[in-house]
N, C-alpha and C. Protein backbone atom coordinates (compact mmCIF):
# COMPACT_ATOMS: atom_id res chain seq x y z
N UNK A 1 55.07 83.40 -132.86
CA UNK A 1 53.87 82.70 -132.45
C UNK A 1 52.62 83.52 -132.75
N UNK A 2 52.66 84.82 -132.47
CA UNK A 2 51.52 85.69 -132.75
C UNK A 2 51.74 86.54 -133.99
N UNK A 3 52.80 86.27 -134.75
CA UNK A 3 53.09 87.03 -135.95
C UNK A 3 53.82 88.32 -135.62
N UNK A 4 53.98 89.15 -136.63
CA UNK A 4 54.71 90.40 -136.46
C UNK A 4 53.91 91.44 -135.67
N UNK A 5 52.61 91.31 -135.65
CA UNK A 5 51.77 92.28 -134.94
C UNK A 5 50.78 91.56 -134.03
N UNK A 6 51.19 91.26 -132.79
CA UNK A 6 50.31 90.51 -131.89
C UNK A 6 49.00 91.23 -131.58
N UNK A 7 48.98 92.55 -131.77
CA UNK A 7 47.74 93.30 -131.51
C UNK A 7 46.61 92.82 -132.42
N UNK A 8 46.96 92.38 -133.61
CA UNK A 8 45.94 91.93 -134.56
C UNK A 8 45.72 90.43 -134.55
N UNK A 9 46.44 89.71 -133.69
CA UNK A 9 46.28 88.25 -133.61
C UNK A 9 45.07 87.92 -132.75
N UNK A 10 44.15 87.18 -133.31
CA UNK A 10 42.93 86.78 -132.57
C UNK A 10 43.27 85.94 -131.34
N UNK A 11 44.36 85.19 -131.42
CA UNK A 11 44.74 84.28 -130.34
C UNK A 11 45.34 85.00 -129.14
N UNK A 12 45.77 86.25 -129.33
CA UNK A 12 46.41 86.97 -128.24
C UNK A 12 45.36 87.73 -127.44
N UNK A 13 45.19 87.34 -126.19
CA UNK A 13 44.15 87.93 -125.35
C UNK A 13 44.46 89.34 -124.92
N UNK A 14 43.48 89.95 -124.30
CA UNK A 14 43.60 91.31 -123.78
C UNK A 14 43.70 91.27 -122.27
N UNK A 15 44.12 92.38 -121.69
CA UNK A 15 44.21 92.50 -120.24
C UNK A 15 42.78 92.53 -119.70
N UNK A 16 42.56 91.95 -118.56
CA UNK A 16 41.22 91.73 -118.03
C UNK A 16 40.43 93.01 -117.73
N UNK A 17 41.10 94.08 -117.36
CA UNK A 17 40.38 95.32 -117.04
C UNK A 17 41.24 96.54 -117.37
N UNK A 18 40.59 97.68 -117.50
CA UNK A 18 41.32 98.93 -117.76
C UNK A 18 42.27 99.25 -116.61
N UNK A 19 41.85 98.97 -115.39
CA UNK A 19 42.69 99.24 -114.23
C UNK A 19 44.01 98.46 -114.31
N UNK A 20 43.93 97.18 -114.68
CA UNK A 20 45.14 96.37 -114.77
C UNK A 20 46.00 96.78 -115.96
N UNK A 21 45.36 97.21 -117.05
CA UNK A 21 46.11 97.70 -118.20
C UNK A 21 46.90 98.95 -117.81
N UNK A 22 46.28 99.87 -117.09
CA UNK A 22 46.97 101.08 -116.64
C UNK A 22 48.11 100.75 -115.67
N UNK A 23 47.89 99.74 -114.83
CA UNK A 23 48.93 99.31 -113.89
C UNK A 23 50.15 98.80 -114.65
N UNK A 24 49.94 97.98 -115.68
CA UNK A 24 51.04 97.47 -116.48
C UNK A 24 51.73 98.59 -117.24
N UNK A 25 50.95 99.52 -117.78
CA UNK A 25 51.54 100.67 -118.48
C UNK A 25 52.41 101.47 -117.52
N UNK A 26 51.95 101.62 -116.29
CA UNK A 26 52.74 102.33 -115.28
C UNK A 26 54.06 101.64 -115.01
N UNK A 27 54.05 100.31 -115.00
CA UNK A 27 55.29 99.56 -114.80
C UNK A 27 56.26 99.83 -115.94
N UNK A 28 55.74 99.86 -117.17
CA UNK A 28 56.59 100.14 -118.33
C UNK A 28 57.10 101.58 -118.30
N UNK A 29 56.23 102.50 -117.93
CA UNK A 29 56.62 103.92 -117.89
C UNK A 29 57.70 104.19 -116.86
N UNK A 30 57.80 103.33 -115.86
CA UNK A 30 58.77 103.52 -114.78
C UNK A 30 60.21 103.23 -115.21
N UNK A 31 60.39 102.44 -116.27
CA UNK A 31 61.74 102.07 -116.69
C UNK A 31 62.17 102.88 -117.92
N UNK A 32 63.46 102.96 -118.10
CA UNK A 32 64.03 103.67 -119.25
C UNK A 32 63.65 102.93 -120.54
N UNK A 33 63.28 103.68 -121.56
CA UNK A 33 62.90 103.09 -122.85
C UNK A 33 64.01 102.22 -123.43
N UNK A 34 65.27 102.49 -123.06
CA UNK A 34 66.40 101.69 -123.54
C UNK A 34 66.35 100.26 -122.99
N UNK A 35 65.58 100.07 -121.94
CA UNK A 35 65.46 98.73 -121.34
C UNK A 35 64.57 97.81 -122.16
N UNK A 36 63.74 98.37 -123.01
CA UNK A 36 62.80 97.55 -123.80
C UNK A 36 63.55 96.91 -124.97
N UNK A 37 63.63 95.59 -124.93
CA UNK A 37 64.31 94.84 -125.98
C UNK A 37 63.36 94.66 -127.16
N UNK A 38 62.13 94.29 -126.88
CA UNK A 38 61.11 94.19 -127.91
C UNK A 38 59.74 94.35 -127.27
N UNK A 39 58.78 94.74 -128.07
CA UNK A 39 57.44 95.00 -127.56
C UNK A 39 57.36 96.39 -126.97
N UNK A 40 56.59 96.52 -125.91
CA UNK A 40 56.49 97.79 -125.20
C UNK A 40 55.30 98.64 -125.55
N UNK A 41 54.53 98.24 -126.56
CA UNK A 41 53.39 99.07 -126.92
C UNK A 41 52.18 98.74 -126.05
N UNK A 42 51.39 99.78 -125.77
CA UNK A 42 50.19 99.64 -124.95
C UNK A 42 49.08 100.43 -125.62
N UNK A 43 47.90 99.83 -125.72
CA UNK A 43 46.71 100.52 -126.20
C UNK A 43 45.65 100.37 -125.11
N UNK A 44 45.53 101.38 -124.27
CA UNK A 44 44.61 101.30 -123.13
C UNK A 44 43.17 101.14 -123.57
N UNK A 45 42.78 101.76 -124.67
CA UNK A 45 41.40 101.66 -125.16
C UNK A 45 41.02 100.21 -125.48
N UNK A 46 41.99 99.46 -126.00
CA UNK A 46 41.75 98.06 -126.35
C UNK A 46 42.24 97.10 -125.27
N UNK A 47 42.78 97.64 -124.17
CA UNK A 47 43.35 96.83 -123.08
C UNK A 47 44.41 95.86 -123.61
N UNK A 48 45.23 96.38 -124.53
CA UNK A 48 46.29 95.59 -125.14
C UNK A 48 47.64 96.01 -124.60
N UNK A 49 48.42 95.02 -124.19
CA UNK A 49 49.82 95.23 -123.84
C UNK A 49 50.62 94.20 -124.62
N UNK A 50 51.52 94.68 -125.45
CA UNK A 50 52.32 93.77 -126.29
C UNK A 50 53.23 92.90 -125.44
N UNK A 51 53.49 91.68 -125.89
CA UNK A 51 54.50 90.87 -125.22
C UNK A 51 55.82 91.65 -125.23
N UNK A 52 56.41 91.82 -124.05
CA UNK A 52 57.54 92.73 -123.92
C UNK A 52 58.67 92.09 -123.13
N UNK A 53 59.88 92.16 -123.69
CA UNK A 53 61.09 91.73 -122.99
C UNK A 53 61.85 92.99 -122.58
N UNK A 54 62.34 93.00 -121.35
CA UNK A 54 63.08 94.15 -120.83
C UNK A 54 64.41 93.69 -120.25
N UNK A 55 65.45 94.53 -120.39
CA UNK A 55 66.76 94.20 -119.82
C UNK A 55 67.23 95.36 -118.95
N UNK A 56 68.14 95.06 -118.06
CA UNK A 56 68.74 96.08 -117.19
C UNK A 56 67.69 96.91 -116.44
N UNK A 57 66.67 96.23 -115.96
CA UNK A 57 65.61 96.89 -115.20
C UNK A 57 66.11 97.08 -113.76
N UNK A 58 65.97 98.27 -113.19
CA UNK A 58 66.42 98.47 -111.81
C UNK A 58 65.73 97.50 -110.85
N UNK A 59 66.48 96.96 -109.93
CA UNK A 59 65.94 95.97 -109.00
C UNK A 59 64.86 96.54 -108.07
N UNK A 60 64.80 97.86 -107.93
CA UNK A 60 63.81 98.44 -107.02
C UNK A 60 62.56 98.94 -107.73
N UNK A 61 62.44 98.72 -109.04
CA UNK A 61 61.24 99.17 -109.75
C UNK A 61 60.12 98.14 -109.57
N UNK A 62 58.90 98.55 -109.89
CA UNK A 62 57.72 97.69 -109.69
C UNK A 62 57.80 96.39 -110.48
N UNK A 63 58.43 96.43 -111.65
CA UNK A 63 58.57 95.19 -112.42
C UNK A 63 59.34 94.12 -111.66
N UNK A 64 60.19 94.55 -110.73
CA UNK A 64 61.00 93.61 -109.98
C UNK A 64 60.49 93.39 -108.55
N UNK A 65 59.60 94.23 -108.08
CA UNK A 65 59.17 94.12 -106.69
C UNK A 65 57.71 93.70 -106.53
N UNK A 66 56.94 93.76 -107.61
CA UNK A 66 55.53 93.38 -107.55
C UNK A 66 55.25 92.24 -108.52
N UNK A 67 54.12 91.56 -108.30
CA UNK A 67 53.72 90.54 -109.26
C UNK A 67 53.20 91.25 -110.50
N UNK A 68 53.54 90.74 -111.66
CA UNK A 68 53.25 91.45 -112.91
C UNK A 68 51.87 91.10 -113.47
N UNK A 69 51.54 89.85 -113.61
CA UNK A 69 50.26 89.42 -114.18
C UNK A 69 50.00 90.05 -115.54
N UNK A 70 50.97 89.97 -116.42
CA UNK A 70 50.83 90.50 -117.76
C UNK A 70 52.00 90.06 -118.61
N UNK A 71 52.01 90.45 -119.88
CA UNK A 71 53.03 89.97 -120.82
C UNK A 71 54.33 90.77 -120.78
N UNK A 72 54.82 91.05 -119.58
CA UNK A 72 56.07 91.78 -119.41
C UNK A 72 57.08 90.87 -118.74
N UNK A 73 58.27 90.75 -119.33
CA UNK A 73 59.27 89.85 -118.79
C UNK A 73 60.62 90.56 -118.64
N UNK A 74 60.96 90.96 -117.40
CA UNK A 74 62.29 91.52 -117.18
C UNK A 74 63.33 90.41 -117.14
N UNK A 75 64.49 90.68 -117.76
CA UNK A 75 65.56 89.70 -117.84
C UNK A 75 66.81 90.30 -117.21
N UNK A 76 67.45 89.52 -116.33
CA UNK A 76 68.70 89.94 -115.70
C UNK A 76 69.76 88.89 -115.90
N UNK A 77 70.99 89.33 -116.05
CA UNK A 77 72.13 88.41 -116.15
C UNK A 77 72.78 88.30 -114.77
N UNK A 78 73.21 87.11 -114.45
CA UNK A 78 73.96 86.86 -113.22
C UNK A 78 75.21 86.10 -113.60
N UNK A 79 76.30 86.41 -112.92
CA UNK A 79 77.56 85.76 -113.28
C UNK A 79 77.74 84.40 -112.61
N UNK A 80 77.04 84.17 -111.50
CA UNK A 80 77.15 82.86 -110.86
C UNK A 80 75.90 82.58 -110.00
N UNK A 81 75.76 81.34 -109.63
CA UNK A 81 74.61 80.88 -108.88
C UNK A 81 74.48 81.61 -107.54
N UNK A 82 75.60 81.96 -106.94
CA UNK A 82 75.58 82.68 -105.66
C UNK A 82 74.85 84.01 -105.77
N UNK A 83 75.06 84.72 -106.88
CA UNK A 83 74.36 85.98 -107.10
C UNK A 83 72.85 85.76 -107.20
N UNK A 84 72.47 84.72 -107.90
CA UNK A 84 71.05 84.41 -108.06
C UNK A 84 70.42 84.12 -106.70
N UNK A 85 71.06 83.28 -105.92
CA UNK A 85 70.54 82.92 -104.59
C UNK A 85 70.45 84.15 -103.70
N UNK A 86 71.45 85.00 -103.75
CA UNK A 86 71.43 86.23 -102.95
C UNK A 86 70.27 87.12 -103.37
N UNK A 87 70.00 87.19 -104.66
CA UNK A 87 68.90 88.03 -105.17
C UNK A 87 67.54 87.50 -104.73
N UNK A 88 67.38 86.20 -104.80
CA UNK A 88 66.09 85.58 -104.48
C UNK A 88 65.87 85.70 -102.99
C-alpha cells in the first residue's frame, strides 16, 4: 500500500509529536528484535515509525498492556476460543 519504503510515501503520516514517537520507540526497544516480523524502523527526527508487525511479544510488555496509538501491531496465536476469552 505504501510501497517498499513507507518513509518516503507522501500518504504515510508521521507521529503527532516527538514525545509520542519516543514512547513508541520505547515500546519497540522493550521487545526482542526477533519479535519484529517486518518494519521496526524509527526516525525520531522525522517522527516516523514504520508499520510494524510483531510476534511472540511478552504479555506483560507495554505493547500488550498499554494503548499503542501508532503503527505497531503485536500478533499472538491462540489454540482455541477459550484461551482468547481468558486473555481478554
